[in-house]
Amino acid sequence: MPASFSGIASNRAMGGLVHAMSGGSRLQAWRNKQLVITVYEHGIVVGLADDPNPFHFRYDEVTSFVQDLVKRYVNQSYRGTTTTCLVSLNDGRSHRLQGQSTRTERNVVEDFRNLVDPKIAAAQLPGMLAAMRQGRAVAFGAYVLEPSALTTGTGRKHKRLPWPQVEQVTLERGLVKVTERGRRGAWATASTSAVPNLTTFLNLVREAQAGV
């Protein structure tokens, strides 16, 4: 692990090292270079192995975590998954990671998503839940969660579904699907990339359906 990474983690009080990994990236600027990701109890340091100033953040600094998974098939045969993650912070900084896994090899960006996603959600959920309990709406891109309803769209396309009428919110083939009780089909759909902080969103939906 690069010394600059551990030094940043110590200065930012990120706690103990949980996992360290390295691999390639699909981003053109980083092609044929080694991407290093170090996961700590309270934050992440990520960058090229020789980068003196790698990107770093604590989980409680994340305002938006967008994840997008695209599976690739050739003649109905699975060939791989491209994982893209965009992290945006409360100080205006942002960072994009992209990697592709195949049938035989997992990319580090997929592992990054799996490790970091629940940690970001755990840091975000208490504050967002408190906001709803105080009567405030919480926006998640294509959807807005209000204390009494789930809404989507703007202008003439704006619509509102009270929580007792929300049957379920599910992930299906890269879409976030909302269904209404007593009706067939989807009440609304949005791509997962259009719903930042997706895991926090799903957790908050469950809380709202239970009565917040």
N, C-alpha and C. Protein backbone atom coordinates (compact mmCIF):
# COMPACT_ATOMS: atom_id res chain seq x y z
N MET A 1 0.85 -1.19 0.00
CA MET A 1 0.00 0.00 0.00
C MET A 1 0.89 1.25 0.00
N PRO A 2 0.62 2.21 -0.90
CA PRO A 2 1.43 3.44 -0.94
C PRO A 2 1.41 4.19 0.38
N ALA A 3 2.58 4.75 0.75
CA ALA A 3 2.68 5.47 2.02
C ALA A 3 1.76 6.69 2.06
N SER A 4 1.56 7.34 0.89
CA SER A 4 0.70 8.52 0.86
C SER A 4 -0.73 8.18 1.24
N PHE A 5 -1.18 6.96 0.91
CA PHE A 5 -2.53 6.54 1.21
C PHE A 5 -2.72 6.41 2.72
N SER A 6 -1.81 5.70 3.37
CA SER A 6 -1.93 5.49 4.81
C SER A 6 -1.76 6.79 5.58
N GLY A 7 -0.94 7.70 5.05
CA GLY A 7 -0.76 9.00 5.70
C GLY A 7 -2.03 9.82 5.67
N ILE A 8 -2.71 9.83 4.53
CA ILE A 8 -3.98 10.56 4.40
C ILE A 8 -5.02 9.96 5.33
N ALA A 9 -5.10 8.64 5.36
CA ALA A 9 -6.09 7.97 6.23
C ALA A 9 -5.87 8.33 7.69
N SER A 10 -4.62 8.40 8.09
CA SER A 10 -4.31 8.75 9.47
C SER A 10 -4.68 10.19 9.78
N ASN A 11 -4.34 11.10 8.85
CA ASN A 11 -4.64 12.52 9.05
C ASN A 11 -6.13 12.79 9.07
N ARG A 12 -6.91 11.99 8.31
CA ARG A 12 -8.35 12.20 8.23
C ARG A 12 -9.11 11.37 9.27
N ALA A 13 -8.41 10.69 10.15
CA ALA A 13 -9.03 9.88 11.21
C ALA A 13 -10.03 8.88 10.64
N MET A 14 -9.55 8.11 9.64
CA MET A 14 -10.41 7.12 8.98
C MET A 14 -10.47 5.79 9.71
N GLY A 15 -9.71 5.64 10.77
CA GLY A 15 -9.75 4.39 11.52
C GLY A 15 -8.89 3.31 10.88
N GLY A 16 -9.13 2.07 11.30
CA GLY A 16 -8.33 0.95 10.84
C GLY A 16 -8.60 0.55 9.40
N LEU A 17 -7.61 -0.08 8.78
CA LEU A 17 -7.73 -0.57 7.41
C LEU A 17 -8.64 -1.80 7.38
N VAL A 18 -9.65 -1.76 6.51
CA VAL A 18 -10.58 -2.88 6.37
C VAL A 18 -10.18 -3.76 5.19
N HIS A 19 -9.81 -3.12 4.08
CA HIS A 19 -9.48 -3.89 2.88
C HIS A 19 -8.65 -3.02 1.94
N ALA A 20 -7.68 -3.64 1.28
CA ALA A 20 -6.87 -2.96 0.27
C ALA A 20 -6.89 -3.80 -1.00
N MET A 21 -7.05 -3.15 -2.15
CA MET A 21 -7.13 -3.89 -3.42
C MET A 21 -6.59 -3.03 -4.55
N SER A 22 -6.25 -3.68 -5.63
CA SER A 22 -5.72 -2.95 -6.79
C SER A 22 -6.12 -3.68 -8.06
N GLY A 23 -6.19 -2.94 -9.16
CA GLY A 23 -6.57 -3.52 -10.44
C GLY A 23 -6.64 -2.45 -11.51
N GLY A 24 -7.15 -2.82 -12.69
CA GLY A 24 -7.24 -1.89 -13.80
C GLY A 24 -8.48 -1.04 -13.77
N SER A 25 -8.55 -0.06 -14.68
CA SER A 25 -9.70 0.83 -14.80
C SER A 25 -10.06 0.98 -16.27
N ARG A 26 -11.36 1.19 -16.54
CA ARG A 26 -11.80 1.41 -17.91
C ARG A 26 -11.74 2.87 -18.33
N LEU A 27 -11.47 3.77 -17.39
CA LEU A 27 -11.36 5.17 -17.73
C LEU A 27 -10.12 5.39 -18.60
N GLN A 28 -10.29 6.11 -19.70
CA GLN A 28 -9.22 6.25 -20.69
C GLN A 28 -7.94 6.81 -20.08
N ALA A 29 -8.06 7.78 -19.18
CA ALA A 29 -6.87 8.41 -18.59
C ALA A 29 -6.08 7.46 -17.71
N TRP A 30 -6.74 6.37 -17.28
CA TRP A 30 -6.08 5.43 -16.37
C TRP A 30 -5.83 4.07 -17.02
N ARG A 31 -5.99 3.96 -18.32
CA ARG A 31 -5.78 2.69 -18.99
C ARG A 31 -4.34 2.22 -18.79
N ASN A 32 -4.19 0.91 -18.57
CA ASN A 32 -2.88 0.28 -18.40
C ASN A 32 -2.13 0.78 -17.16
N LYS A 33 -2.87 1.34 -16.21
CA LYS A 33 -2.27 1.78 -14.96
C LYS A 33 -2.95 1.07 -13.79
N GLN A 34 -2.26 1.00 -12.68
CA GLN A 34 -2.77 0.27 -11.53
C GLN A 34 -3.56 1.18 -10.60
N LEU A 35 -4.83 0.86 -10.44
CA LEU A 35 -5.71 1.60 -9.54
C LEU A 35 -5.65 0.96 -8.16
N VAL A 36 -5.38 1.76 -7.14
CA VAL A 36 -5.30 1.25 -5.77
C VAL A 36 -6.47 1.82 -4.96
N ILE A 37 -7.17 0.94 -4.25
CA ILE A 37 -8.30 1.36 -3.42
C ILE A 37 -8.07 0.82 -2.01
N THR A 38 -8.05 1.71 -1.04
CA THR A 38 -7.92 1.29 0.36
C THR A 38 -9.18 1.69 1.11
N VAL A 39 -9.80 0.71 1.74
CA VAL A 39 -11.05 0.91 2.45
C VAL A 39 -10.78 0.91 3.96
N TYR A 40 -11.16 1.99 4.63
CA TYR A 40 -10.97 2.11 6.07
C TYR A 40 -12.31 2.09 6.78
N GLU A 41 -12.28 2.04 8.08
CA GLU A 41 -13.52 2.00 8.87
C GLU A 41 -14.42 3.20 8.60
N HIS A 42 -13.82 4.38 8.37
CA HIS A 42 -14.61 5.59 8.22
C HIS A 42 -14.37 6.33 6.91
N GLY A 43 -13.64 5.73 5.98
CA GLY A 43 -13.40 6.43 4.73
C GLY A 43 -12.62 5.63 3.71
N ILE A 44 -12.32 6.28 2.59
CA ILE A 44 -11.68 5.65 1.43
C ILE A 44 -10.54 6.53 0.93
N VAL A 45 -9.47 5.89 0.46
CA VAL A 45 -8.43 6.57 -0.31
C VAL A 45 -8.27 5.79 -1.60
N VAL A 46 -8.35 6.47 -2.75
CA VAL A 46 -8.30 5.79 -4.04
C VAL A 46 -7.50 6.61 -5.04
N GLY A 47 -6.71 5.93 -5.85
CA GLY A 47 -5.92 6.62 -6.87
C GLY A 47 -4.92 5.68 -7.51
N LEU A 48 -4.08 6.21 -8.37
CA LEU A 48 -3.02 5.42 -8.97
C LEU A 48 -1.94 5.16 -7.93
N ALA A 49 -1.22 4.06 -8.12
CA ALA A 49 -0.23 3.64 -7.12
C ALA A 49 0.83 4.69 -6.86
N ASP A 50 1.16 5.50 -7.89
CA ASP A 50 2.22 6.51 -7.72
C ASP A 50 1.67 7.92 -7.54
N ASP A 51 0.38 8.03 -7.23
CA ASP A 51 -0.25 9.34 -7.08
C ASP A 51 0.06 9.92 -5.70
N PRO A 52 0.74 11.08 -5.63
CA PRO A 52 1.05 11.68 -4.33
C PRO A 52 -0.17 12.33 -3.67
N ASN A 53 -1.23 12.60 -4.47
CA ASN A 53 -2.44 13.24 -3.95
C ASN A 53 -3.68 12.46 -4.38
N PRO A 54 -3.86 11.26 -3.87
CA PRO A 54 -5.03 10.45 -4.27
C PRO A 54 -6.33 11.05 -3.74
N PHE A 55 -7.43 10.67 -4.36
CA PHE A 55 -8.75 11.11 -3.92
C PHE A 55 -9.10 10.41 -2.61
N HIS A 56 -9.72 11.14 -1.71
CA HIS A 56 -10.03 10.56 -0.41
C HIS A 56 -11.30 11.18 0.15
N PHE A 57 -12.02 10.43 0.96
CA PHE A 57 -13.23 10.95 1.58
C PHE A 57 -13.63 10.08 2.77
N ARG A 58 -14.32 10.73 3.70
CA ARG A 58 -14.98 10.02 4.79
C ARG A 58 -16.42 9.75 4.36
N TYR A 59 -16.99 8.67 4.86
CA TYR A 59 -18.35 8.31 4.46
C TYR A 59 -19.36 9.39 4.83
N ASP A 60 -19.12 10.10 5.93
CA ASP A 60 -20.07 11.13 6.35
C ASP A 60 -19.93 12.42 5.55
N GLU A 61 -19.03 12.47 4.57
CA GLU A 61 -18.87 13.62 3.69
C GLU A 61 -19.59 13.44 2.36
N VAL A 62 -20.11 12.25 2.10
CA VAL A 62 -20.71 11.94 0.79
C VAL A 62 -22.12 12.51 0.71
N THR A 63 -22.35 13.36 -0.29
CA THR A 63 -23.69 13.89 -0.54
C THR A 63 -24.41 13.08 -1.60
N SER A 64 -23.66 12.48 -2.54
CA SER A 64 -24.26 11.71 -3.61
C SER A 64 -23.35 10.56 -4.02
N PHE A 65 -23.93 9.36 -4.04
CA PHE A 65 -23.22 8.18 -4.52
C PHE A 65 -24.07 7.54 -5.61
N VAL A 66 -23.64 7.69 -6.86
CA VAL A 66 -24.38 7.17 -8.01
C VAL A 66 -23.69 5.91 -8.49
N GLN A 67 -24.46 4.86 -8.66
CA GLN A 67 -23.91 3.59 -9.15
C GLN A 67 -24.70 3.12 -10.36
N ASP A 68 -23.97 2.59 -11.32
CA ASP A 68 -24.61 2.12 -12.56
C ASP A 68 -23.93 0.83 -12.99
N LEU A 69 -24.71 -0.22 -13.16
CA LEU A 69 -24.20 -1.51 -13.58
C LEU A 69 -24.82 -1.87 -14.93
N VAL A 70 -23.98 -2.14 -15.92
CA VAL A 70 -24.45 -2.50 -17.25
C VAL A 70 -23.91 -3.88 -17.60
N LYS A 71 -24.80 -4.84 -17.74
CA LYS A 71 -24.40 -6.20 -18.09
C LYS A 71 -24.36 -6.34 -19.62
N ARG A 72 -23.33 -7.03 -20.11
CA ARG A 72 -23.15 -7.18 -21.55
C ARG A 72 -23.34 -8.64 -21.95
N TYR A 73 -24.16 -8.81 -23.01
CA TYR A 73 -24.43 -10.16 -23.54
C TYR A 73 -24.10 -10.19 -25.02
N VAL A 74 -23.60 -11.31 -25.48
CA VAL A 74 -23.36 -11.55 -26.90
C VAL A 74 -24.05 -12.86 -27.25
N ASN A 75 -25.03 -12.79 -28.15
CA ASN A 75 -25.82 -13.97 -28.52
C ASN A 75 -26.41 -14.65 -27.29
N GLN A 76 -26.96 -13.83 -26.39
CA GLN A 76 -27.62 -14.27 -25.16
C GLN A 76 -26.66 -14.90 -24.15
N SER A 77 -25.36 -14.76 -24.41
CA SER A 77 -24.36 -15.29 -23.48
C SER A 77 -23.72 -14.15 -22.71
N TYR A 78 -23.74 -14.25 -21.37
CA TYR A 78 -23.19 -13.20 -20.52
C TYR A 78 -21.69 -13.05 -20.73
N ARG A 79 -21.23 -11.81 -20.96
CA ARG A 79 -19.81 -11.56 -21.19
C ARG A 79 -19.16 -10.71 -20.10
N GLY A 80 -19.95 -9.95 -19.38
CA GLY A 80 -19.34 -9.12 -18.34
C GLY A 80 -20.25 -8.00 -17.87
N THR A 81 -19.80 -7.30 -16.82
CA THR A 81 -20.55 -6.19 -16.26
C THR A 81 -19.64 -4.98 -16.10
N THR A 82 -20.08 -3.85 -16.63
CA THR A 82 -19.35 -2.60 -16.44
C THR A 82 -19.96 -1.86 -15.26
N THR A 83 -19.14 -1.59 -14.25
CA THR A 83 -19.59 -0.90 -13.04
C THR A 83 -19.03 0.52 -13.02
N THR A 84 -19.91 1.50 -12.89
CA THR A 84 -19.49 2.90 -12.81
C THR A 84 -20.01 3.50 -11.51
N CYS A 85 -19.12 4.16 -10.79
CA CYS A 85 -19.50 4.82 -9.53
C CYS A 85 -19.06 6.27 -9.58
N LEU A 86 -19.94 7.17 -9.16
CA LEU A 86 -19.62 8.60 -9.07
C LEU A 86 -19.87 9.05 -7.64
N VAL A 87 -18.81 9.49 -6.97
CA VAL A 87 -18.91 9.96 -5.59
C VAL A 87 -18.80 11.48 -5.57
N SER A 88 -19.77 12.15 -4.96
CA SER A 88 -19.75 13.61 -4.81
C SER A 88 -19.76 13.95 -3.32
N LEU A 89 -18.95 14.95 -2.95
CA LEU A 89 -18.76 15.27 -1.54
C LEU A 89 -19.30 16.65 -1.18
N ASN A 90 -19.44 16.89 0.12
CA ASN A 90 -20.01 18.15 0.59
C ASN A 90 -19.08 19.34 0.42
N ASP A 91 -17.82 19.11 0.01
CA ASP A 91 -16.91 20.22 -0.26
C ASP A 91 -16.79 20.53 -1.75
N GLY A 92 -17.64 19.88 -2.56
CA GLY A 92 -17.65 20.12 -3.99
C GLY A 92 -16.81 19.18 -4.82
N ARG A 93 -15.96 18.37 -4.19
CA ARG A 93 -15.14 17.43 -4.92
C ARG A 93 -15.98 16.24 -5.40
N SER A 94 -15.54 15.61 -6.49
CA SER A 94 -16.20 14.40 -6.97
C SER A 94 -15.18 13.50 -7.65
N HIS A 95 -15.52 12.25 -7.79
CA HIS A 95 -14.60 11.29 -8.38
C HIS A 95 -15.40 10.17 -9.05
N ARG A 96 -14.95 9.76 -10.23
CA ARG A 96 -15.62 8.71 -10.99
C ARG A 96 -14.71 7.50 -11.13
N LEU A 97 -15.28 6.33 -10.90
CA LEU A 97 -14.56 5.07 -11.05
C LEU A 97 -15.33 4.18 -12.01
N GLN A 98 -14.60 3.45 -12.85
CA GLN A 98 -15.27 2.54 -13.78
C GLN A 98 -14.40 1.32 -14.03
N GLY A 99 -15.01 0.14 -13.99
CA GLY A 99 -14.27 -1.09 -14.26
C GLY A 99 -15.19 -2.12 -14.86
N GLN A 100 -14.61 -3.12 -15.48
CA GLN A 100 -15.41 -4.16 -16.11
C GLN A 100 -15.01 -5.54 -15.60
N SER A 101 -15.99 -6.28 -15.11
CA SER A 101 -15.78 -7.66 -14.70
C SER A 101 -16.17 -8.58 -15.85
N THR A 102 -15.56 -9.74 -15.91
CA THR A 102 -15.89 -10.74 -16.92
C THR A 102 -16.46 -11.97 -16.22
N ARG A 103 -16.72 -13.01 -17.00
CA ARG A 103 -17.26 -14.24 -16.41
C ARG A 103 -16.26 -14.89 -15.46
N THR A 104 -14.99 -14.60 -15.64
CA THR A 104 -13.95 -15.28 -14.85
C THR A 104 -13.18 -14.35 -13.92
N GLU A 105 -13.39 -13.03 -14.04
CA GLU A 105 -12.59 -12.10 -13.24
C GLU A 105 -13.42 -10.91 -12.79
N ARG A 106 -13.38 -10.62 -11.48
CA ARG A 106 -14.07 -9.47 -10.93
C ARG A 106 -13.14 -8.26 -10.93
N ASN A 107 -13.68 -7.11 -11.30
CA ASN A 107 -12.90 -5.88 -11.28
C ASN A 107 -12.98 -5.23 -9.91
N VAL A 108 -11.93 -4.50 -9.54
CA VAL A 108 -11.89 -3.88 -8.20
C VAL A 108 -12.98 -2.83 -8.01
N VAL A 109 -13.47 -2.23 -9.09
CA VAL A 109 -14.52 -1.22 -8.95
C VAL A 109 -15.82 -1.87 -8.47
N GLU A 110 -16.08 -3.09 -8.91
CA GLU A 110 -17.25 -3.81 -8.42
C GLU A 110 -17.10 -4.12 -6.94
N ASP A 111 -15.91 -4.52 -6.53
CA ASP A 111 -15.65 -4.77 -5.11
C ASP A 111 -15.75 -3.47 -4.31
N PHE A 112 -15.25 -2.37 -4.89
CA PHE A 112 -15.35 -1.06 -4.26
C PHE A 112 -16.82 -0.72 -3.99
N ARG A 113 -17.66 -0.89 -4.97
CA ARG A 113 -19.09 -0.59 -4.82
C ARG A 113 -19.70 -1.44 -3.70
N ASN A 114 -19.40 -2.72 -3.70
CA ASN A 114 -19.99 -3.62 -2.71
C ASN A 114 -19.55 -3.28 -1.29
N LEU A 115 -18.31 -2.83 -1.13
CA LEU A 115 -17.79 -2.50 0.20
C LEU A 115 -18.25 -1.13 0.69
N VAL A 116 -18.25 -0.16 -0.22
CA VAL A 116 -18.49 1.22 0.17
C VAL A 116 -19.97 1.57 0.28
N ASP A 117 -20.78 1.00 -0.58
CA ASP A 117 -22.20 1.34 -0.63
C ASP A 117 -22.89 1.23 0.73
N PRO A 118 -22.80 0.11 1.44
CA PRO A 118 -23.48 0.04 2.75
C PRO A 118 -22.90 1.00 3.78
N LYS A 119 -21.61 1.32 3.68
CA LYS A 119 -21.00 2.23 4.64
C LYS A 119 -21.49 3.67 4.42
N ILE A 120 -21.64 4.06 3.16
CA ILE A 120 -22.18 5.38 2.86
C ILE A 120 -23.63 5.46 3.32
N ALA A 121 -24.40 4.41 3.04
CA ALA A 121 -25.81 4.39 3.45
C ALA A 121 -25.95 4.49 4.96
N ALA A 122 -25.09 3.79 5.69
CA ALA A 122 -25.15 3.83 7.15
C ALA A 122 -24.87 5.23 7.70
N ALA A 123 -23.99 5.96 7.00
CA ALA A 123 -23.66 7.32 7.43
C ALA A 123 -24.79 8.31 7.08
N GLN A 124 -25.49 8.06 5.97
CA GLN A 124 -26.52 8.99 5.50
C GLN A 124 -27.88 8.79 6.16
N LEU A 125 -28.23 7.55 6.43
CA LEU A 125 -29.60 7.24 6.83
C LEU A 125 -30.09 7.98 8.08
N PRO A 126 -29.32 8.06 9.17
CA PRO A 126 -29.85 8.74 10.37
C PRO A 126 -30.29 10.18 10.13
N GLY A 127 -29.47 10.94 9.39
CA GLY A 127 -29.81 12.34 9.13
C GLY A 127 -31.02 12.49 8.24
N MET A 128 -31.12 11.63 7.21
CA MET A 128 -32.26 11.70 6.29
C MET A 128 -33.54 11.23 6.97
N LEU A 129 -33.43 10.23 7.81
CA LEU A 129 -34.59 9.76 8.55
C LEU A 129 -35.08 10.83 9.53
N ALA A 130 -34.14 11.51 10.17
CA ALA A 130 -34.51 12.59 11.08
C ALA A 130 -35.21 13.72 10.32
N ALA A 131 -34.75 14.01 9.10
CA ALA A 131 -35.36 15.07 8.29
C ALA A 131 -36.82 14.74 7.99
N MET A 132 -37.09 13.49 7.62
CA MET A 132 -38.47 13.10 7.32
C MET A 132 -39.34 13.15 8.57
N ARG A 133 -38.78 12.77 9.69
CA ARG A 133 -39.55 12.81 10.94
C ARG A 133 -39.86 14.22 11.38
N GLN A 134 -39.06 15.17 10.88
CA GLN A 134 -39.29 16.59 11.16
C GLN A 134 -40.18 17.24 10.11
N GLY A 135 -40.72 16.42 9.17
CA GLY A 135 -41.65 16.93 8.18
C GLY A 135 -41.02 17.42 6.90
N ARG A 136 -39.73 17.16 6.70
CA ARG A 136 -39.05 17.63 5.49
C ARG A 136 -38.97 16.53 4.43
N ALA A 137 -38.97 16.93 3.17
CA ALA A 137 -38.82 15.99 2.06
C ALA A 137 -37.34 15.73 1.81
N VAL A 138 -37.04 14.53 1.31
CA VAL A 138 -35.66 14.15 0.99
C VAL A 138 -35.62 13.74 -0.48
N ALA A 139 -34.77 14.40 -1.26
CA ALA A 139 -34.71 14.16 -2.71
C ALA A 139 -33.67 13.10 -3.05
N PHE A 140 -34.04 12.23 -3.98
CA PHE A 140 -33.15 11.21 -4.51
C PHE A 140 -33.24 11.22 -6.03
N GLY A 141 -32.84 12.31 -6.64
CA GLY A 141 -32.86 12.39 -8.09
C GLY A 141 -34.28 12.31 -8.65
N ALA A 142 -34.59 11.20 -9.31
CA ALA A 142 -35.90 11.04 -9.96
C ALA A 142 -37.05 10.95 -8.97
N TYR A 143 -36.76 10.61 -7.72
CA TYR A 143 -37.81 10.46 -6.71
C TYR A 143 -37.57 11.41 -5.53
N VAL A 144 -38.67 11.80 -4.90
CA VAL A 144 -38.61 12.60 -3.68
C VAL A 144 -39.47 11.90 -2.63
N LEU A 145 -38.89 11.69 -1.46
CA LEU A 145 -39.62 11.05 -0.37
C LEU A 145 -40.11 12.11 0.59
N GLU A 146 -41.43 12.24 0.68
CA GLU A 146 -42.05 13.15 1.62
C GLU A 146 -42.54 12.34 2.82
N PRO A 147 -42.78 12.98 3.95
CA PRO A 147 -43.27 12.23 5.11
C PRO A 147 -44.57 11.46 4.84
N SER A 148 -45.39 11.97 3.92
CA SER A 148 -46.68 11.33 3.67
C SER A 148 -46.81 10.67 2.30
N ALA A 149 -45.80 10.83 1.42
CA ALA A 149 -45.94 10.29 0.07
C ALA A 149 -44.60 10.20 -0.66
N LEU A 150 -44.62 9.41 -1.72
CA LEU A 150 -43.49 9.33 -2.65
C LEU A 150 -43.90 10.11 -3.90
N THR A 151 -43.04 10.99 -4.40
CA THR A 151 -43.38 11.78 -5.58
C THR A 151 -42.32 11.62 -6.65
N THR A 152 -42.69 11.93 -7.88
CA THR A 152 -41.76 11.89 -8.99
C THR A 152 -42.24 12.85 -10.07
N GLY A 153 -41.31 13.27 -10.93
CA GLY A 153 -41.66 14.16 -12.03
C GLY A 153 -41.75 15.61 -11.61
N THR A 154 -41.80 16.48 -12.62
CA THR A 154 -41.94 17.92 -12.38
C THR A 154 -43.00 18.49 -13.32
N GLY A 155 -43.50 19.66 -12.96
CA GLY A 155 -44.49 20.32 -13.80
C GLY A 155 -45.73 19.46 -14.00
N ARG A 156 -46.16 19.34 -15.25
CA ARG A 156 -47.35 18.54 -15.56
C ARG A 156 -47.14 17.05 -15.34
N LYS A 157 -45.90 16.63 -15.32
CA LYS A 157 -45.60 15.20 -15.13
C LYS A 157 -45.42 14.83 -13.65
N HIS A 158 -45.57 15.81 -12.78
CA HIS A 158 -45.42 15.54 -11.35
C HIS A 158 -46.59 14.70 -10.86
N LYS A 159 -46.27 13.67 -10.08
CA LYS A 159 -47.33 12.85 -9.48
C LYS A 159 -46.91 12.40 -8.09
N ARG A 160 -47.91 12.04 -7.30
CA ARG A 160 -47.71 11.79 -5.87
C ARG A 160 -48.47 10.53 -5.47
N LEU A 161 -47.78 9.66 -4.73
CA LEU A 161 -48.40 8.41 -4.28
C LEU A 161 -48.26 8.31 -2.76
N PRO A 162 -49.38 8.45 -2.03
CA PRO A 162 -49.31 8.36 -0.57
C PRO A 162 -48.74 7.01 -0.13
N TRP A 163 -48.02 6.99 0.97
CA TRP A 163 -47.35 5.77 1.42
C TRP A 163 -48.28 4.57 1.57
N PRO A 164 -49.50 4.72 2.09
CA PRO A 164 -50.37 3.54 2.19
C PRO A 164 -50.70 2.91 0.84
N GLN A 165 -50.54 3.67 -0.25
CA GLN A 165 -50.84 3.15 -1.58
C GLN A 165 -49.61 2.59 -2.30
N VAL A 166 -48.44 2.76 -1.69
CA VAL A 166 -47.22 2.22 -2.29
C VAL A 166 -47.15 0.72 -1.97
N GLU A 167 -47.25 -0.11 -3.00
CA GLU A 167 -47.17 -1.56 -2.78
C GLU A 167 -45.74 -2.00 -2.54
N GLN A 168 -44.83 -1.62 -3.46
CA GLN A 168 -43.42 -1.95 -3.27
C GLN A 168 -42.53 -1.10 -4.19
N VAL A 169 -41.28 -1.00 -3.80
CA VAL A 169 -40.25 -0.34 -4.60
C VAL A 169 -39.15 -1.36 -4.81
N THR A 170 -38.89 -1.73 -6.06
CA THR A 170 -37.97 -2.81 -6.35
C THR A 170 -36.95 -2.41 -7.42
N LEU A 171 -35.87 -3.19 -7.50
CA LEU A 171 -34.87 -3.04 -8.54
C LEU A 171 -35.06 -4.15 -9.56
N GLU A 172 -35.26 -3.76 -10.82
CA GLU A 172 -35.46 -4.76 -11.87
C GLU A 172 -34.73 -4.32 -13.13
N ARG A 173 -33.72 -5.09 -13.50
CA ARG A 173 -32.98 -4.87 -14.75
C ARG A 173 -32.50 -3.43 -14.91
N GLY A 174 -31.88 -2.92 -13.86
CA GLY A 174 -31.32 -1.58 -13.93
C GLY A 174 -32.31 -0.47 -13.72
N LEU A 175 -33.54 -0.80 -13.28
CA LEU A 175 -34.57 0.20 -13.05
C LEU A 175 -35.06 0.16 -11.61
N VAL A 176 -35.42 1.34 -11.10
CA VAL A 176 -36.07 1.44 -9.79
C VAL A 176 -37.56 1.56 -10.07
N LYS A 177 -38.30 0.54 -9.72
CA LYS A 177 -39.71 0.43 -10.08
C LYS A 177 -40.62 0.59 -8.87
N VAL A 178 -41.62 1.46 -9.01
CA VAL A 178 -42.61 1.69 -7.96
C VAL A 178 -43.95 1.15 -8.43
N THR A 179 -44.60 0.32 -7.60
CA THR A 179 -45.92 -0.19 -7.95
C THR A 179 -46.95 0.29 -6.94
N GLU A 180 -48.17 0.49 -7.43
CA GLU A 180 -49.27 0.99 -6.60
C GLU A 180 -50.19 -0.17 -6.22
N ARG A 181 -50.68 -0.15 -5.00
CA ARG A 181 -51.58 -1.20 -4.54
C ARG A 181 -52.84 -1.27 -5.42
N GLY A 182 -53.21 -2.49 -5.78
CA GLY A 182 -54.45 -2.69 -6.53
C GLY A 182 -54.36 -2.40 -8.01
N ARG A 183 -53.16 -2.07 -8.51
CA ARG A 183 -53.01 -1.78 -9.94
C ARG A 183 -51.87 -2.58 -10.55
N ARG A 184 -52.07 -2.98 -11.80
CA ARG A 184 -51.03 -3.71 -12.50
C ARG A 184 -50.04 -2.74 -13.13
N GLY A 185 -48.86 -3.24 -13.39
CA GLY A 185 -47.85 -2.40 -14.04
C GLY A 185 -47.18 -1.46 -13.06
N ALA A 186 -46.26 -0.70 -13.58
CA ALA A 186 -45.48 0.21 -12.74
C ALA A 186 -46.16 1.57 -12.63
N TRP A 187 -46.18 2.10 -11.45
CA TRP A 187 -46.65 3.47 -11.24
C TRP A 187 -45.59 4.45 -11.74
N ALA A 188 -44.31 4.08 -11.55
CA ALA A 188 -43.19 4.91 -12.02
C ALA A 188 -41.95 4.04 -12.12
N THR A 189 -41.06 4.40 -13.05
CA THR A 189 -39.76 3.74 -13.17
C THR A 189 -38.68 4.80 -13.42
N ALA A 190 -37.47 4.48 -12.97
CA ALA A 190 -36.31 5.35 -13.22
C ALA A 190 -35.08 4.47 -13.24
N SER A 191 -34.09 4.83 -14.02
CA SER A 191 -32.86 4.06 -14.05
C SER A 191 -32.13 4.20 -12.72
N THR A 192 -31.37 3.19 -12.35
CA THR A 192 -30.64 3.26 -11.07
C THR A 192 -29.67 4.43 -11.05
N SER A 193 -29.13 4.80 -12.21
CA SER A 193 -28.19 5.92 -12.27
C SER A 193 -28.89 7.25 -12.05
N ALA A 194 -30.23 7.27 -12.14
CA ALA A 194 -31.00 8.50 -11.91
C ALA A 194 -31.46 8.63 -10.46
N VAL A 195 -31.07 7.66 -9.63
CA VAL A 195 -31.45 7.68 -8.21
C VAL A 195 -30.17 7.60 -7.37
N PRO A 196 -29.56 8.74 -7.07
CA PRO A 196 -28.35 8.72 -6.24
C PRO A 196 -28.65 8.22 -4.83
N ASN A 197 -27.61 7.72 -4.18
CA ASN A 197 -27.75 7.18 -2.81
C ASN A 197 -28.84 6.10 -2.79
N LEU A 198 -28.74 5.18 -3.74
CA LEU A 198 -29.79 4.19 -3.96
C LEU A 198 -30.08 3.33 -2.74
N THR A 199 -29.06 2.86 -2.07
CA THR A 199 -29.29 2.00 -0.90
C THR A 199 -29.94 2.78 0.24
N THR A 200 -29.52 4.02 0.43
CA THR A 200 -30.16 4.88 1.44
C THR A 200 -31.62 5.10 1.07
N PHE A 201 -31.89 5.33 -0.21
CA PHE A 201 -33.25 5.52 -0.71
C PHE A 201 -34.13 4.31 -0.37
N LEU A 202 -33.64 3.11 -0.68
CA LEU A 202 -34.43 1.90 -0.43
C LEU A 202 -34.67 1.70 1.07
N ASN A 203 -33.67 1.98 1.88
CA ASN A 203 -33.83 1.86 3.33
C ASN A 203 -34.85 2.86 3.86
N LEU A 204 -34.81 4.08 3.33
CA LEU A 204 -35.73 5.12 3.78
C LEU A 204 -37.15 4.82 3.32
N VAL A 205 -37.30 4.22 2.15
CA VAL A 205 -38.62 3.79 1.67
C VAL A 205 -39.22 2.79 2.65
N ARG A 206 -38.43 1.83 3.08
CA ARG A 206 -38.94 0.83 4.03
C ARG A 206 -39.36 1.48 5.35
N GLU A 207 -38.57 2.45 5.79
CA GLU A 207 -38.92 3.16 7.03
C GLU A 207 -40.24 3.93 6.85
N ALA A 208 -40.39 4.57 5.70
CA ALA A 208 -41.60 5.36 5.43
C ALA A 208 -42.83 4.45 5.34
N GLN A 209 -42.67 3.29 4.71
CA GLN A 209 -43.80 2.36 4.62
C GLN A 209 -44.21 1.81 5.98
N ALA A 210 -43.22 1.77 6.89
CA ALA A 210 -43.51 1.28 8.25
C ALA A 210 -44.04 2.38 9.16
N GLY A 211 -44.06 3.63 8.63
CA GLY A 211 -44.60 4.73 9.39
C GLY A 211 -43.59 5.74 9.89
N VAL A 212 -42.33 5.62 9.43
CA VAL A 212 -41.24 6.52 9.84
C VAL A 212 -41.25 6.70 11.35
